[in-house]
Protein backbone atom coordinates (compact mmCIF):
# COMPACT_ATOMS: atom_id res chain seq x y z
CA MET A 1 -14.74 -6.44 14.58
CA ARG A 2 -15.93 -7.89 11.13
CA SER A 3 -18.56 -5.69 11.16
CA PHE A 4 -16.56 -2.15 12.07
CA PHE A 5 -13.80 -2.94 9.21
CA ARG A 6 -16.37 -3.82 6.37
CA ASN A 7 -17.97 -0.84 7.65
CA TYR A 8 -15.14 2.07 7.76
CA GLY A 9 -12.41 -0.89 5.90
CA VAL A 10 -12.46 2.62 2.84
CA TYR A 11 -11.79 4.76 5.73
CA LEU A 12 -9.02 3.02 6.90
CA ALA A 13 -6.95 2.54 3.87
CA TRP A 14 -7.34 6.23 2.51
CA LEU A 15 -5.92 6.23 6.31
CA VAL A 16 -3.00 3.70 5.68
CA SER A 17 -2.80 5.36 2.34
CA LEU A 18 -2.18 8.82 3.76
CA VAL A 19 0.11 7.55 6.56
CA ALA A 20 2.56 6.54 3.97
CA THR A 21 2.72 8.93 1.24
CA LEU A 22 2.97 11.43 4.09
CA GLY A 23 5.63 9.02 5.59
CA SER A 24 7.91 9.02 1.75
CA LEU A 25 7.50 12.75 1.65
CA TYR A 26 8.69 13.53 5.39
CA LEU A 27 11.99 10.78 4.42
CA SER A 28 12.61 12.49 1.04
CA GLU A 29 11.59 15.85 1.54
CA VAL A 30 12.30 16.78 5.16
CA LEU A 31 15.15 14.15 5.91
CA HIS A 32 16.40 14.47 2.32
CA TYR A 33 16.06 10.63 2.15
CA GLU A 34 16.65 10.27 -1.76
CA PRO A 35 14.39 7.45 -3.26
CA CYS A 36 16.12 4.84 -5.37
CA ARG A 37 14.64 3.93 -8.67
CA LEU A 38 11.91 0.45 -6.83
CA CYS A 39 10.87 3.75 -4.20
CA TRP A 40 9.54 5.61 -6.79
CA PHE A 41 7.91 2.68 -8.63
CA GLN A 42 6.44 2.03 -5.36
CA ARG A 43 4.95 5.77 -4.89
CA ILE A 44 3.93 5.25 -8.20
CA PHE A 45 1.39 2.93 -6.76
CA MET A 46 0.93 4.56 -3.49
CA TYR A 47 0.22 7.98 -4.50
CA PRO A 48 -2.83 7.83 -6.18
CA GLN A 49 -4.42 5.57 -3.66
CA VAL A 50 -4.89 8.85 -1.17
CA VAL A 51 -7.14 10.80 -3.43
CA VAL A 52 -8.83 7.53 -5.04
CA LEU A 53 -9.27 6.38 -1.41
CA GLY A 54 -10.88 9.81 -0.13
CA ILE A 55 -12.98 9.99 -3.24
CA ALA A 56 -14.29 6.40 -1.97
CA ALA A 57 -13.95 7.60 1.62
CA TYR A 58 -15.48 10.49 1.28
CA ARG A 59 -18.70 8.60 -0.80
CA ASN A 60 -19.01 5.53 1.47
CA ASP A 61 -18.40 3.84 -2.28
CA ARG A 62 -16.51 0.31 -0.42
CA SER A 63 -16.76 -0.73 -4.85
CA ALA A 64 -13.68 1.07 -4.89
CA ALA A 65 -11.55 -1.93 -4.20
CA ILE A 66 -11.70 -2.94 -7.33
CA TYR A 67 -9.25 -0.20 -7.99
CA ALA A 68 -7.27 -0.41 -5.03
CA ILE A 69 -6.96 -3.74 -4.37
CA PRO A 70 -4.36 -4.35 -7.88
CA LEU A 71 -2.72 -0.78 -7.63
CA SER A 72 -1.82 -2.57 -3.71
CA VAL A 73 -1.04 -5.99 -4.97
CA ILE A 74 1.46 -4.61 -7.86
CA GLY A 75 3.35 -2.49 -5.69
CA GLY A 76 3.61 -4.81 -2.07
CA CYS A 77 5.70 -7.40 -5.24
CA ILE A 78 7.85 -4.56 -5.50
CA SER A 79 7.76 -4.28 -1.97
CA ILE A 80 8.57 -7.80 -1.47
CA TYR A 81 11.28 -7.86 -4.45
CA HIS A 82 13.10 -4.35 -2.78
CA TYR A 83 12.90 -5.68 0.26
CA ALA A 84 14.27 -9.22 -0.51
CA GLU A 85 16.85 -6.98 -2.79
CA GLN A 86 18.28 -5.33 0.80
CA LYS A 87 18.53 -8.45 2.44
CA ILE A 88 19.56 -11.74 0.11
CA PRO A 89 23.03 -9.70 -1.00
CA ALA A 90 22.55 -12.16 -4.62
CA MET A 91 18.74 -9.78 -5.40
CA SER A 92 20.81 -6.70 -5.84
CA LYS A 93 23.41 -8.83 -8.38
CA LEU A 94 20.16 -9.79 -10.32
CA LEU A 95 18.87 -5.57 -11.49
CA PRO A 96 20.99 -3.90 -9.52
CA CYS A 97 19.97 0.08 -9.58
CA LYS A 98 22.04 2.11 -12.52
CA VAL A 99 21.09 5.37 -11.98
CA GLY A 100 21.55 7.18 -8.50
CA ILE A 101 21.50 6.28 -4.86
CA PRO A 102 21.75 1.72 -5.22
CA CYS A 103 18.01 -0.13 -4.61
CA ASN A 104 20.30 -2.43 -2.13
CA PHE A 105 20.91 0.91 0.50
CA ASP A 106 19.38 0.85 3.65
CA TYR A 107 18.52 4.21 5.62
CA LEU A 108 16.46 3.24 7.64
CA ASN A 109 16.85 -0.97 9.70
CA TRP A 110 15.07 -0.55 12.42
CA TRP A 111 15.32 -4.21 14.30
CA GLY A 112 17.22 -5.78 11.56
CA PHE A 113 14.21 -6.49 9.03
CA ILE A 114 12.14 -2.61 9.48
CA THR A 115 13.36 -1.05 6.31
CA ILE A 116 11.38 1.40 4.16
CA PRO A 117 10.27 -1.46 1.79
CA PHE A 118 8.89 -3.32 4.79
CA MET A 119 7.15 -0.55 6.27
CA ALA A 120 5.61 0.50 2.23
CA LEU A 121 4.34 -3.55 1.66
CA ILE A 122 2.43 -3.17 5.54
CA ALA A 123 0.57 -0.52 4.55
CA PHE A 124 0.36 -2.23 0.80
CA VAL A 125 -1.22 -5.28 2.71
CA LEU A 126 -2.83 -3.72 5.05
CA ILE A 127 -4.87 -1.66 2.73
CA ILE A 128 -5.83 -4.97 0.39
CA LEU A 129 -6.84 -6.02 3.86
CA PHE A 130 -9.23 -3.44 4.39
CA MET A 131 -10.31 -3.01 1.49
CA SER A 132 -11.66 -6.66 0.93
CA ALA A 133 -13.79 -6.10 3.47
CA ALA A 134 -15.51 -4.01 2.68
CA ARG A 135 -15.64 -4.98 -0.98
CA LYS A 136 -17.51 -8.14 1.55
CA GLY A 137 -19.63 -6.04 3.08
CA VAL A 138 -20.49 -4.47 -0.07
CA GLN A 139 -21.73 -8.10 -1.53
CA GLU A 140 -23.28 -8.78 1.97
CA ASP A 141 -25.13 -6.28 1.68
CA THR A 142 -26.18 -6.53 -2.52
CA ALA A 143 -27.39 -10.95 -1.19
CA GLU A 144 -29.93 -9.00 0.92
CA GLU A 145 -30.92 -6.65 -0.86
CA THR A 146 -31.62 -9.59 -3.99
CA SER A 147 -33.40 -11.81 -0.81
CA ASN A 148 -35.60 -9.38 0.88
CA GLU A 149 -36.95 -8.44 -3.31
CA VAL A 150 -37.27 -11.87 -3.41
C-alpha cells in the first residue's frame, strides 16, 4: 500500500487539487455562492497547485513536493482559522470580514460539521499526505542509487 502512494502520490495530489478547484468554481459560478475573503485566500493557495501538480504528474516529478507542501500548509492554516471562525462564535469578532459576505456564514453545513472551509482543509491535508509519500519515494530512490554506485 505504501508503494502505491509513493508511486502515485503526485497523481493523487493533482486529482485532489483539481477536484477542489472545480468544486469551488462550481459553488461560486454555478450555485452563485459568493466567496468570502478567507475563501479567496484559500483559493489563492489551491488554484496554482492544479498547474504545478499537473506538470509534476505529467513529468512524474515527485520533487514538486517542495512547492506543493508549503502551499498546502499555508492554505490549510487559513482553512483551520476559517473553520474556527464559523464554528466558534467568539472567533468571528476577532477579525470580522467587513467587505462582502461574512466569513462566518455557512452555505453548506452537512451533518453539523462539514462546511466549505472544512472540505478545503481536507483537500490541503490530502495533498500534504500524498506529496509527503511521493517525496519519501524520491528519497528512497536516491538512497538506492547511492548504494548501487558504492
